[in-house]
């Protein structure tokens, strides 16, 4: 079993303290049994938070864009020809060779 990281310890401890305070203030309990139930609930919540904090080397893998499984293929076929890009020129000389729609 791997050792807990510092982030897991901090998040879990902070959750226990804050959850205990919040539940004690909201419930306004004064009995020993009520305080014990709240303490156990806060410890369980803190443990849940500490366990769900992601581990440093366990980043989720993302698929490359445009690569789908067998069910769906990429939008473009693999034999698509590359598109030639013309440089944009401004001014009158670029419009001198264009055809006009007006006659």
PDB file of N, CA and C in Angstrom:
ATOM      1  N   UNK A   1       0.845  -1.179   0.000  1.00  0.00           N
ATOM      2  CA  UNK A   1       0.000   0.000   0.000  1.00  0.00           C
ATOM      3  C   UNK A   1       0.888   1.240   0.000  1.00  0.00           C
ATOM      4  N   UNK A   2       0.671   2.161  -0.943  1.00  0.00           N
ATOM      5  CA  UNK A   2       1.527   3.360  -1.003  1.00  0.00           C
ATOM      6  C   UNK A   2       1.263   4.282   0.182  1.00  0.00           C
ATOM      7  N   UNK A   3       2.273   5.032   0.514  1.00  0.00           N
ATOM      8  CA  UNK A   3       2.149   5.983   1.620  1.00  0.00           C
ATOM      9  C   UNK A   3       1.342   7.189   1.165  1.00  0.00           C
ATOM     10  N   UNK A   4       0.573   7.796   2.094  1.00  0.00           N
ATOM     11  CA  UNK A   4      -0.220   8.972   1.703  1.00  0.00           C
ATOM     12  C   UNK A   4       0.687  10.170   1.418  1.00  0.00           C
ATOM     13  N   UNK A   5       0.282  10.968   0.446  1.00  0.00           N
ATOM     14  CA  UNK A   5       1.045  12.165   0.105  1.00  0.00           C
ATOM     15  C   UNK A   5       0.676  13.293   1.066  1.00  0.00           C
ATOM     16  N   UNK A   6       1.446  14.358   0.995  1.00  0.00           N
ATOM     17  CA  UNK A   6       1.177  15.520   1.852  1.00  0.00           C
ATOM     18  C   UNK A   6      -0.181  16.134   1.532  1.00  0.00           C
ATOM     19  N   UNK A   7      -0.541  16.154   0.257  1.00  0.00           N
ATOM     20  CA  UNK A   7      -1.840  16.713  -0.140  1.00  0.00           C
ATOM     21  C   UNK A   7      -2.982  15.892   0.444  1.00  0.00           C
ATOM     22  N   UNK A   8      -2.846  14.575   0.438  1.00  0.00           N
ATOM     23  CA  UNK A   8      -3.883  13.723   1.005  1.00  0.00           C
ATOM     24  C   UNK A   8      -4.035  13.973   2.496  1.00  0.00           C
ATOM     25  N   UNK A   9      -2.916  14.104   3.206  1.00  0.00           N
ATOM     26  CA  UNK A   9      -2.976  14.362   4.644  1.00  0.00           C
ATOM     27  C   UNK A   9      -3.611  15.713   4.949  1.00  0.00           C
ATOM     28  N   UNK A  10      -3.240  16.732   4.190  1.00  0.00           N
ATOM     29  CA  UNK A  10      -3.771  18.080   4.430  1.00  0.00           C
ATOM     30  C   UNK A  10      -5.262  18.141   4.127  1.00  0.00           C
ATOM     31  N   UNK A  11      -5.670  17.621   2.964  1.00  0.00           N
ATOM     32  CA  UNK A  11      -7.085  17.659   2.600  1.00  0.00           C
ATOM     33  C   UNK A  11      -7.940  16.848   3.574  1.00  0.00           C
ATOM     34  N   UNK A  12      -7.454  15.675   3.948  1.00  0.00           N
ATOM     35  CA  UNK A  12      -8.204  14.838   4.878  1.00  0.00           C
ATOM     36  C   UNK A  12      -8.335  15.480   6.251  1.00  0.00           C
ATOM     37  N   UNK A  13      -7.238  16.030   6.764  1.00  0.00           N
ATOM     38  CA  UNK A  13      -7.268  16.667   8.081  1.00  0.00           C
ATOM     39  C   UNK A  13      -8.157  17.908   8.082  1.00  0.00           C
ATOM     40  N   UNK A  14      -8.033  18.714   7.064  1.00  0.00           N
ATOM     41  CA  UNK A  14      -8.859  19.926   6.978  1.00  0.00           C
ATOM     42  C   UNK A  14     -10.339  19.562   6.874  1.00  0.00           C
ATOM     43  N   UNK A  15     -10.642  18.499   6.138  1.00  0.00           N
ATOM     44  CA  UNK A  15     -12.028  18.064   6.025  1.00  0.00           C
ATOM     45  C   UNK A  15     -12.571  17.602   7.368  1.00  0.00           C
ATOM     46  N   UNK A  16     -11.767  16.855   8.131  1.00  0.00           N
ATOM     47  CA  UNK A  16     -12.217  16.378   9.444  1.00  0.00           C
ATOM     48  C   UNK A  16     -12.504  17.555  10.371  1.00  0.00           C
ATOM     49  N   UNK A  17     -11.582  18.513  10.432  1.00  0.00           N
ATOM     50  CA  UNK A  17     -11.745  19.645  11.347  1.00  0.00           C
ATOM     51  C   UNK A  17     -12.945  20.500  10.941  1.00  0.00           C
ATOM     52  N   UNK A  18     -13.016  20.869   9.676  1.00  0.00           N
ATOM     53  CA  UNK A  18     -14.103  21.738   9.224  1.00  0.00           C
ATOM     54  C   UNK A  18     -15.462  21.045   9.282  1.00  0.00           C
ATOM     55  N   UNK A  19     -15.520  19.774   8.923  1.00  0.00           N
ATOM     56  CA  UNK A  19     -16.788  19.055   8.981  1.00  0.00           C
ATOM     57  C   UNK A  19     -17.252  18.900  10.425  1.00  0.00           C
ATOM     58  N   UNK A  20     -16.327  18.629  11.348  1.00  0.00           N
ATOM     59  CA  UNK A  20     -16.703  18.506  12.760  1.00  0.00           C
ATOM     60  C   UNK A  20     -17.257  19.821  13.287  1.00  0.00           C
ATOM     61  N   UNK A  21     -16.567  20.903  13.022  1.00  0.00           N
ATOM     62  CA  UNK A  21     -17.045  22.207  13.488  1.00  0.00           C
ATOM     63  C   UNK A  21     -18.403  22.553  12.887  1.00  0.00           C
ATOM     64  N   UNK A  22     -18.542  22.338  11.596  1.00  0.00           N
ATOM     65  CA  UNK A  22     -19.808  22.684  10.936  1.00  0.00           C
ATOM     66  C   UNK A  22     -20.961  21.854  11.483  1.00  0.00           C
ATOM     67  N   UNK A  23     -20.743  20.546  11.627  1.00  0.00           N
ATOM     68  CA  UNK A  23     -21.830  19.701  12.120  1.00  0.00           C
ATOM     69  C   UNK A  23     -22.169  19.994  13.574  1.00  0.00           C
ATOM     70  N   UNK A  24     -21.150  20.297  14.395  1.00  0.00           N
ATOM     71  CA  UNK A  24     -21.431  20.638  15.793  1.00  0.00           C
ATOM     72  C   UNK A  24     -22.196  21.952  15.900  1.00  0.00           C
ATOM     73  N   UNK A  25     -21.822  22.926  15.088  1.00  0.00           N
ATOM     74  CA  UNK A  25     -22.519  24.203  15.132  1.00  0.00           C
ATOM     75  C   UNK A  25     -23.939  24.107  14.582  1.00  0.00           C
ATOM     76  N   UNK A  26     -24.120  23.336  13.538  1.00  0.00           N
ATOM     77  CA  UNK A  26     -25.448  23.229  12.931  1.00  0.00           C
ATOM     78  C   UNK A  26     -26.405  22.360  13.750  1.00  0.00           C
ATOM     79  N   UNK A  27     -25.880  21.318  14.394  1.00  0.00           N
ATOM     80  CA  UNK A  27     -26.760  20.420  15.140  1.00  0.00           C
ATOM     81  C   UNK A  27     -27.027  20.902  16.563  1.00  0.00           C
ATOM     82  N   UNK A  28     -26.152  21.720  17.094  1.00  0.00           N
ATOM     83  CA  UNK A  28     -26.260  22.236  18.457  1.00  0.00           C
ATOM     84  C   UNK A  28     -26.451  21.124  19.486  1.00  0.00           C
ATOM     85  N   UNK A  29     -25.760  20.023  19.264  1.00  0.00           N
ATOM     86  CA  UNK A  29     -25.870  18.896  20.177  1.00  0.00           C
ATOM     87  C   UNK A  29     -24.996  19.117  21.414  1.00  0.00           C
ATOM     88  N   UNK A  30     -25.451  18.578  22.544  1.00  0.00           N
ATOM     89  CA  UNK A  30     -24.684  18.708  23.778  1.00  0.00           C
ATOM     90  C   UNK A  30     -24.453  17.345  24.421  1.00  0.00           C
ATOM     91  N   UNK A  31     -25.044  16.325  23.865  1.00  0.00           N
ATOM     92  CA  UNK A  31     -24.884  14.994  24.456  1.00  0.00           C
ATOM     93  C   UNK A  31     -23.590  14.353  23.967  1.00  0.00           C
ATOM     94  N   UNK A  32     -23.045  13.478  24.753  1.00  0.00           N
ATOM     95  CA  UNK A  32     -21.803  12.787  24.393  1.00  0.00           C
ATOM     96  C   UNK A  32     -21.972  11.877  23.204  1.00  0.00           C
ATOM     97  N   UNK A  33     -23.137  11.238  23.121  1.00  0.00           N
ATOM     98  CA  UNK A  33     -23.414  10.349  21.982  1.00  0.00           C
ATOM     99  C   UNK A  33     -23.495  11.145  20.690  1.00  0.00           C
ATOM    100  N   UNK A  34     -24.128  12.319  20.702  1.00  0.00           N
ATOM    101  CA  UNK A  34     -24.237  13.151  19.505  1.00  0.00           C
ATOM    102  C   UNK A  34     -22.876  13.621  19.025  1.00  0.00           C
ATOM    103  N   UNK A  35     -22.020  14.023  19.969  1.00  0.00           N
ATOM    104  CA  UNK A  35     -20.664  14.461  19.609  1.00  0.00           C
ATOM    105  C   UNK A  35     -19.869  13.291  19.038  1.00  0.00           C
ATOM    106  N   UNK A  36     -20.035  12.106  19.600  1.00  0.00           N
ATOM    107  CA  UNK A  36     -19.320  10.925  19.102  1.00  0.00           C
ATOM    108  C   UNK A  36     -19.768  10.571  17.683  1.00  0.00           C
ATOM    109  N   UNK A  37     -21.072  10.651  17.432  1.00  0.00           N
ATOM    110  CA  UNK A  37     -21.587  10.353  16.088  1.00  0.00           C
ATOM    111  C   UNK A  37     -21.047  11.362  15.079  1.00  0.00           C
ATOM    112  N   UNK A  38     -21.025  12.619  15.455  1.00  0.00           N
ATOM    113  CA  UNK A  38     -20.502  13.661  14.568  1.00  0.00           C
ATOM    114  C   UNK A  38     -19.012  13.458  14.313  1.00  0.00           C
ATOM    115  N   UNK A  39     -18.258  13.092  15.348  1.00  0.00           N
ATOM    116  CA  UNK A  39     -16.819  12.859  15.185  1.00  0.00           C
ATOM    117  C   UNK A  39     -16.554  11.685  14.248  1.00  0.00           C
ATOM    118  N   UNK A  40     -17.304  10.625  14.386  1.00  0.00           N
ATOM    119  CA  UNK A  40     -17.127   9.459  13.508  1.00  0.00           C
ATOM    120  C   UNK A  40     -17.508   9.810  12.074  1.00  0.00           C
ATOM    121  N   UNK A  41     -18.584  10.554  11.909  1.00  0.00           N
ATOM    122  CA  UNK A  41     -18.999  10.961  10.564  1.00  0.00           C
ATOM    123  C   UNK A  41     -17.942  11.859   9.918  1.00  0.00           C
ATOM    124  N   UNK A  42     -17.371  12.773  10.689  1.00  0.00           N
ATOM    125  CA  UNK A  42     -16.334  13.657  10.150  1.00  0.00           C
ATOM    126  C   UNK A  42     -15.070  12.886   9.798  1.00  0.00           C
ATOM    127  N   UNK A  43     -14.714  11.895  10.622  1.00  0.00           N
ATOM    128  CA  UNK A  43     -13.544  11.061  10.296  1.00  0.00           C
ATOM    129  C   UNK A  43     -13.771  10.262   9.014  1.00  0.00           C
ATOM    130  N   UNK A  44     -14.969   9.731   8.842  1.00  0.00           N
ATOM    131  CA  UNK A  44     -15.277   8.985   7.620  1.00  0.00           C
ATOM    132  C   UNK A  44     -15.228   9.891   6.394  1.00  0.00           C
ATOM    133  N   UNK A  45     -15.760  11.102   6.543  1.00  0.00           N
ATOM    134  CA  UNK A  45     -15.717  12.055   5.432  1.00  0.00           C
ATOM    135  C   UNK A  45     -14.273  12.454   5.106  1.00  0.00           C
ATOM    136  N   UNK A  46     -13.465  12.683   6.130  1.00  0.00           N
ATOM    137  CA  UNK A  46     -12.057  13.025   5.906  1.00  0.00           C
ATOM    138  C   UNK A  46     -11.296  11.902   5.236  1.00  0.00           C
ATOM    139  N   UNK A  47     -11.590  10.657   5.621  1.00  0.00           N
ATOM    140  CA  UNK A  47     -10.946   9.510   4.980  1.00  0.00           C
ATOM    141  C   UNK A  47     -11.359   9.403   3.517  1.00  0.00           C
ATOM    142  N   UNK A  48     -12.635   9.632   3.245  1.00  0.00           N
ATOM    143  CA  UNK A  48     -13.118   9.595   1.865  1.00  0.00           C
ATOM    144  C   UNK A  48     -12.429  10.661   1.018  1.00  0.00           C
ATOM    145  N   UNK A  49     -12.289  11.860   1.551  1.00  0.00           N
ATOM    146  CA  UNK A  49     -11.632  12.939   0.805  1.00  0.00           C
ATOM    147  C   UNK A  49     -10.163  12.612   0.579  1.00  0.00           C
ATOM    148  N   UNK A  50      -9.492  12.095   1.598  1.00  0.00           N
ATOM    149  CA  UNK A  50      -8.065  11.777   1.466  1.00  0.00           C
ATOM    150  C   UNK A  50      -7.824  10.680   0.446  1.00  0.00           C
ATOM    151  N   UNK A  51      -8.723   9.730   0.362  1.00  0.00           N
ATOM    152  CA  UNK A  51      -8.549   8.627  -0.584  1.00  0.00           C
ATOM    153  C   UNK A  51      -8.825   9.074  -2.013  1.00  0.00           C
ATOM    154  N   UNK A  52      -9.729  10.016  -2.193  1.00  0.00           N
ATOM    155  CA  UNK A  52     -10.087  10.435  -3.554  1.00  0.00           C
ATOM    156  C   UNK A  52      -9.159  11.495  -4.127  1.00  0.00           C
ATOM    157  N   UNK A  53      -8.234  12.052  -3.344  1.00  0.00           N
ATOM    158  CA  UNK A  53      -7.251  12.996  -3.889  1.00  0.00           C
ATOM    159  C   UNK A  53      -6.354  12.215  -4.831  1.00  0.00           C
ATOM    160  N   UNK A  54      -6.174  12.672  -6.077  1.00  0.00           N
ATOM    161  CA  UNK A  54      -5.381  11.903  -7.039  1.00  0.00           C
ATOM    162  C   UNK A  54      -3.918  11.799  -6.622  1.00  0.00           C
ATOM    163  N   UNK A  55      -3.342  10.653  -6.931  1.00  0.00           N
ATOM    164  CA  UNK A  55      -1.931  10.406  -6.658  1.00  0.00           C
ATOM    165  C   UNK A  55      -1.097  11.150  -7.698  1.00  0.00           C
ATOM    166  N   UNK A  56       0.161  11.501  -7.374  1.00  0.00           N
ATOM    167  CA  UNK A  56       0.977  12.293  -8.299  1.00  0.00           C
ATOM    168  C   UNK A  56       1.217  11.652  -9.664  1.00  0.00           C
ATOM    169  N   UNK A  57       1.388  10.356  -9.751  1.00  0.00           N
ATOM    170  CA  UNK A  57       1.699   9.736 -11.037  1.00  0.00           C
ATOM    171  C   UNK A  57       0.494   9.153 -11.733  1.00  0.00           C
ATOM    172  N   UNK A  58      -0.700   9.379 -11.242  1.00  0.00           N
ATOM    173  CA  UNK A  58      -1.884   8.736 -11.782  1.00  0.00           C
ATOM    174  C   UNK A  58      -2.774   9.707 -12.540  1.00  0.00           C
ATOM    175  N   UNK A  59      -2.196  10.484 -13.432  1.00  0.00           N
ATOM    176  CA  UNK A  59      -2.991  11.418 -14.231  1.00  0.00           C
ATOM    177  C   UNK A  59      -3.806  10.628 -15.248  1.00  0.00           C
ATOM    178  N   UNK A  60      -5.051  11.020 -15.487  1.00  0.00           N
ATOM    179  CA  UNK A  60      -5.867  10.293 -16.458  1.00  0.00           C
ATOM    180  C   UNK A  60      -5.316  10.466 -17.866  1.00  0.00           C
ATOM    181  N   UNK A  61      -5.401   9.398 -18.659  1.00  0.00           N
ATOM    182  CA  UNK A  61      -4.900   9.460 -20.029  1.00  0.00           C
ATOM    183  C   UNK A  61      -5.961  10.072 -20.913  1.00  0.00           C
ATOM    184  N   UNK A  62      -5.523  10.961 -21.781  1.00  0.00           N
ATOM    185  CA  UNK A  62      -6.443  11.614 -22.708  1.00  0.00           C
ATOM    186  C   UNK A  62      -6.145  11.091 -24.106  1.00  0.00           C
ATOM    187  N   UNK A  63      -7.185  10.938 -24.891  1.00  0.00           N
ATOM    188  CA  UNK A  63      -7.000  10.499 -26.275  1.00  0.00           C
ATOM    189  C   UNK A  63      -6.559  11.670 -27.128  1.00  0.00           C
ATOM    190  N   UNK A  64      -5.791  11.357 -28.136  1.00  0.00           N
ATOM    191  CA  UNK A  64      -5.365  12.385 -29.076  1.00  0.00           C
ATOM    192  C   UNK A  64      -6.576  12.851 -29.874  1.00  0.00           C
ATOM    193  N   UNK A  65      -6.680  14.148 -30.155  1.00  0.00           N
ATOM    194  CA  UNK A  65      -7.829  14.633 -30.920  1.00  0.00           C
ATOM    195  C   UNK A  65      -7.817  14.063 -32.329  1.00  0.00           C
ATOM    196  N   UNK A  66      -9.008  13.708 -32.804  1.00  0.00           N
ATOM    197  CA  UNK A  66      -9.115  13.189 -34.162  1.00  0.00           C
ATOM    198  C   UNK A  66      -8.898  11.693 -34.254  1.00  0.00           C
ATOM    199  N   UNK A  67      -8.577  11.050 -33.158  1.00  0.00           N
ATOM    200  CA  UNK A  67      -8.373   9.602 -33.187  1.00  0.00           C
ATOM    201  C   UNK A  67      -9.495   8.946 -32.403  1.00  0.00           C
ATOM    202  N   UNK A  68     -10.354   8.309 -33.109  1.00  0.00           N
ATOM    203  CA  UNK A  68     -11.480   7.634 -32.475  1.00  0.00           C
ATOM    204  C   UNK A  68     -11.252   6.134 -32.528  1.00  0.00           C
ATOM    205  N   UNK A  69     -12.048   5.408 -31.789  1.00  0.00           N
ATOM    206  CA  UNK A  69     -11.945   3.960 -31.781  1.00  0.00           C
ATOM    207  C   UNK A  69     -12.527   3.369 -33.055  1.00  0.00           C
ATOM    208  N   UNK A  70     -12.817   2.063 -33.019  1.00  0.00           N
ATOM    209  CA  UNK A  70     -13.368   1.407 -34.199  1.00  0.00           C
ATOM    210  C   UNK A  70     -14.783   1.879 -34.507  1.00  0.00           C
ATOM    211  N   UNK A  71     -15.502   2.305 -33.486  1.00  0.00           N
ATOM    212  CA  UNK A  71     -16.889   2.712 -33.706  1.00  0.00           C
ATOM    213  C   UNK A  71     -16.982   3.989 -34.529  1.00  0.00           C
ATOM    214  N   UNK A  72     -16.104   4.942 -34.311  1.00  0.00           N
ATOM    215  CA  UNK A  72     -16.158   6.193 -35.055  1.00  0.00           C
ATOM    216  C   UNK A  72     -14.787   6.557 -35.590  1.00  0.00           C
ATOM    217  N   UNK A  73     -14.752   6.979 -36.798  1.00  0.00           N
ATOM    218  CA  UNK A  73     -13.488   7.352 -37.420  1.00  0.00           C
ATOM    219  C   UNK A  73     -13.333   8.860 -37.415  1.00  0.00           C
ATOM    220  N   UNK A  74     -12.145   9.327 -37.742  1.00  0.00           N
ATOM    221  CA  UNK A  74     -11.899  10.757 -37.838  1.00  0.00           C
ATOM    222  C   UNK A  74     -12.750  11.337 -38.961  1.00  0.00           C
ATOM    223  N   UNK A  75     -13.014  12.628 -38.893  1.00  0.00           N
ATOM    224  CA  UNK A  75     -13.892  13.285 -39.858  1.00  0.00           C
ATOM    225  C   UNK A  75     -13.290  13.285 -41.259  1.00  0.00           C
ATOM    226  N   UNK A  76     -11.980  13.409 -41.375  1.00  0.00           N
ATOM    227  CA  UNK A  76     -11.321  13.450 -42.684  1.00  0.00           C
ATOM    228  C   UNK A  76     -10.742  12.084 -43.019  1.00  0.00           C
ATOM    229  N   UNK A  77     -10.841  11.665 -44.276  1.00  0.00           N
ATOM    230  CA  UNK A  77     -10.208  10.395 -44.640  1.00  0.00           C
ATOM    231  C   UNK A  77      -8.700  10.528 -44.583  1.00  0.00           C
ATOM    232  N   UNK A  78      -8.046   9.390 -44.448  1.00  0.00           N
ATOM    233  CA  UNK A  78      -6.590   9.412 -44.297  1.00  0.00           C
ATOM    234  C   UNK A  78      -5.881   9.793 -45.597  1.00  0.00           C
ATOM    235  N   UNK A  79      -6.541   9.631 -46.760  1.00  0.00           N
ATOM    236  CA  UNK A  79      -5.893   9.951 -48.025  1.00  0.00           C
ATOM    237  C   UNK A  79      -6.265  11.352 -48.524  1.00  0.00           C
ATOM    238  N   UNK A  80      -6.738  12.223 -47.661  1.00  0.00           N
ATOM    239  CA  UNK A  80      -7.102  13.580 -48.071  1.00  0.00           C
ATOM    240  C   UNK A  80      -5.838  14.354 -48.453  1.00  0.00           C
ATOM    241  N   UNK A  81      -5.929  15.067 -49.540  1.00  0.00           N
ATOM    242  CA  UNK A  81      -4.789  15.846 -50.015  1.00  0.00           C
ATOM    243  C   UNK A  81      -4.653  17.115 -49.188  1.00  0.00           C
ATOM    244  N   UNK A  82      -3.426  17.543 -48.952  1.00  0.00           N
ATOM    245  CA  UNK A  82      -3.247  18.790 -48.203  1.00  0.00           C
ATOM    246  C   UNK A  82      -3.748  19.980 -49.011  1.00  0.00           C
ATOM    247  N   UNK A  83      -4.248  20.968 -48.329  1.00  0.00           N
ATOM    248  CA  UNK A  83      -4.795  22.152 -48.969  1.00  0.00           C
ATOM    249  C   UNK A  83      -3.684  23.174 -49.157  1.00  0.00           C
ATOM    250  N   UNK A  84      -3.581  23.702 -50.368  1.00  0.00           N
ATOM    251  CA  UNK A  84      -2.579  24.730 -50.641  1.00  0.00           C
ATOM    252  C   UNK A  84      -3.094  26.064 -50.123  1.00  0.00           C
ATOM    253  N   UNK A  85      -2.248  26.782 -49.427  1.00  0.00           N
ATOM    254  CA  UNK A  85      -2.626  28.078 -48.871  1.00  0.00           C
ATOM    255  C   UNK A  85      -1.908  29.165 -49.635  1.00  0.00           C
ATOM    256  N   UNK A  86      -2.682  30.112 -50.127  1.00  0.00           N
ATOM    257  CA  UNK A  86      -2.144  31.224 -50.879  1.00  0.00           C
ATOM    258  C   UNK A  86      -1.855  32.379 -49.928  1.00  0.00           C
ATOM    259  N   UNK A  87      -0.727  33.043 -50.044  1.00  0.00           N
ATOM    260  CA  UNK A  87      -0.481  34.193 -49.174  1.00  0.00           C
ATOM    261  C   UNK A  87      -1.447  35.326 -49.495  1.00  0.00           C
ATOM    262  N   UNK A  88      -1.876  36.012 -48.471  1.00  0.00           N
ATOM    263  CA  UNK A  88      -2.822  37.113 -48.648  1.00  0.00           C
ATOM    264  C   UNK A  88      -2.032  38.372 -48.988  1.00  0.00           C
ATOM    265  N   UNK A  89      -2.437  38.990 -50.090  1.00  0.00           N
ATOM    266  CA  UNK A  89      -1.795  40.254 -50.482  1.00  0.00           C
ATOM    267  C   UNK A  89      -2.852  41.337 -50.457  1.00  0.00           C
ATOM    268  N   UNK A  90      -2.504  42.446 -49.936  1.00  0.00           N
ATOM    269  CA  UNK A  90      -3.459  43.543 -49.874  1.00  0.00           C
ATOM    270  C   UNK A  90      -3.195  44.554 -50.971  1.00  0.00           C
ATOM    271  N   UNK A  91      -4.125  45.437 -51.158  1.00  0.00           N
ATOM    272  CA  UNK A  91      -3.916  46.520 -52.113  1.00  0.00           C
ATOM    273  C   UNK A  91      -4.545  46.237 -53.460  1.00  0.00           C
ATOM    274  N   UNK A  92      -4.318  47.149 -54.390  1.00  0.00           N
ATOM    275  CA  UNK A  92      -4.940  47.086 -55.703  1.00  0.00           C
ATOM    276  C   UNK A  92      -4.334  46.011 -56.585  1.00  0.00           C
ATOM    277  N   UNK A  93      -3.033  45.695 -56.426  1.00  0.00           N
ATOM    278  CA  UNK A  93      -2.425  44.723 -57.333  1.00  0.00           C
ATOM    279  C   UNK A  93      -3.023  43.339 -57.148  1.00  0.00           C
ATOM    280  N   UNK A  94      -3.524  43.008 -55.977  1.00  0.00           N
ATOM    281  CA  UNK A  94      -4.125  41.700 -55.804  1.00  0.00           C
ATOM    282  C   UNK A  94      -5.505  41.638 -56.450  1.00  0.00           C
ATOM    283  N   UNK A  95      -6.167  42.758 -56.573  1.00  0.00           N
ATOM    284  CA  UNK A  95      -7.501  42.772 -57.151  1.00  0.00           C
ATOM    285  C   UNK A  95      -7.436  42.974 -58.676  1.00  0.00           C
ATOM    286  N   UNK A  96      -6.298  43.331 -59.209  1.00  0.00           N
ATOM    287  CA  UNK A  96      -6.194  43.597 -60.643  1.00  0.00           C
ATOM    288  C   UNK A  96      -6.379  42.339 -61.456  1.00  0.00           C
ATOM    289  N   UNK A  97      -6.025  41.180 -60.923  1.00  0.00           N
ATOM    290  CA  UNK A  97      -6.133  39.941 -61.690  1.00  0.00           C
ATOM    291  C   UNK A  97      -7.435  39.201 -61.426  1.00  0.00           C
ATOM    292  N   UNK A  98      -8.238  39.676 -60.466  1.00  0.00           N
ATOM    293  CA  UNK A  98      -9.490  39.008 -60.154  1.00  0.00           C
ATOM    294  C   UNK A  98     -10.563  39.359 -61.186  1.00  0.00           C
ATOM    295  N   UNK A  99     -11.470  38.445 -61.396  1.00  0.00           N
ATOM    296  CA  UNK A  99     -12.592  38.685 -62.290  1.00  0.00           C
ATOM    297  C   UNK A  99     -13.668  39.452 -61.555  1.00  0.00           C
ATOM    298  N   UNK A 100     -14.356  40.299 -62.284  1.00  0.00           N
ATOM    299  CA  UNK A 100     -15.414  41.084 -61.703  1.00  0.00           C
ATOM    300  C   UNK A 100     -16.761  40.419 -61.968  1.00  0.00           C
ATOM    301  N   UNK A 101     -17.633  40.486 -61.013  1.00  0.00           N
ATOM    302  CA  UNK A 101     -18.979  39.960 -61.218  1.00  0.00           C
ATOM    303  C   UNK A 101     -19.847  40.941 -61.975  1.00  0.00           C
ATOM    304  N   UNK A 102     -19.457  42.189 -61.999  1.00  0.00           N
ATOM    305  CA  UNK A 102     -20.224  43.214 -62.724  1.00  0.00           C
ATOM    306  C   UNK A 102     -19.699  43.285 -64.167  1.00  0.00           C
ATOM    307  N   UNK A 103     -20.616  43.500 -65.117  1.00  0.00           N
ATOM    308  CA  UNK A 103     -20.199  43.603 -66.525  1.00  0.00           C
ATOM    309  C   UNK A 103     -20.339  44.998 -67.041  1.00  0.00           C
TER     310      UNK A 103
END
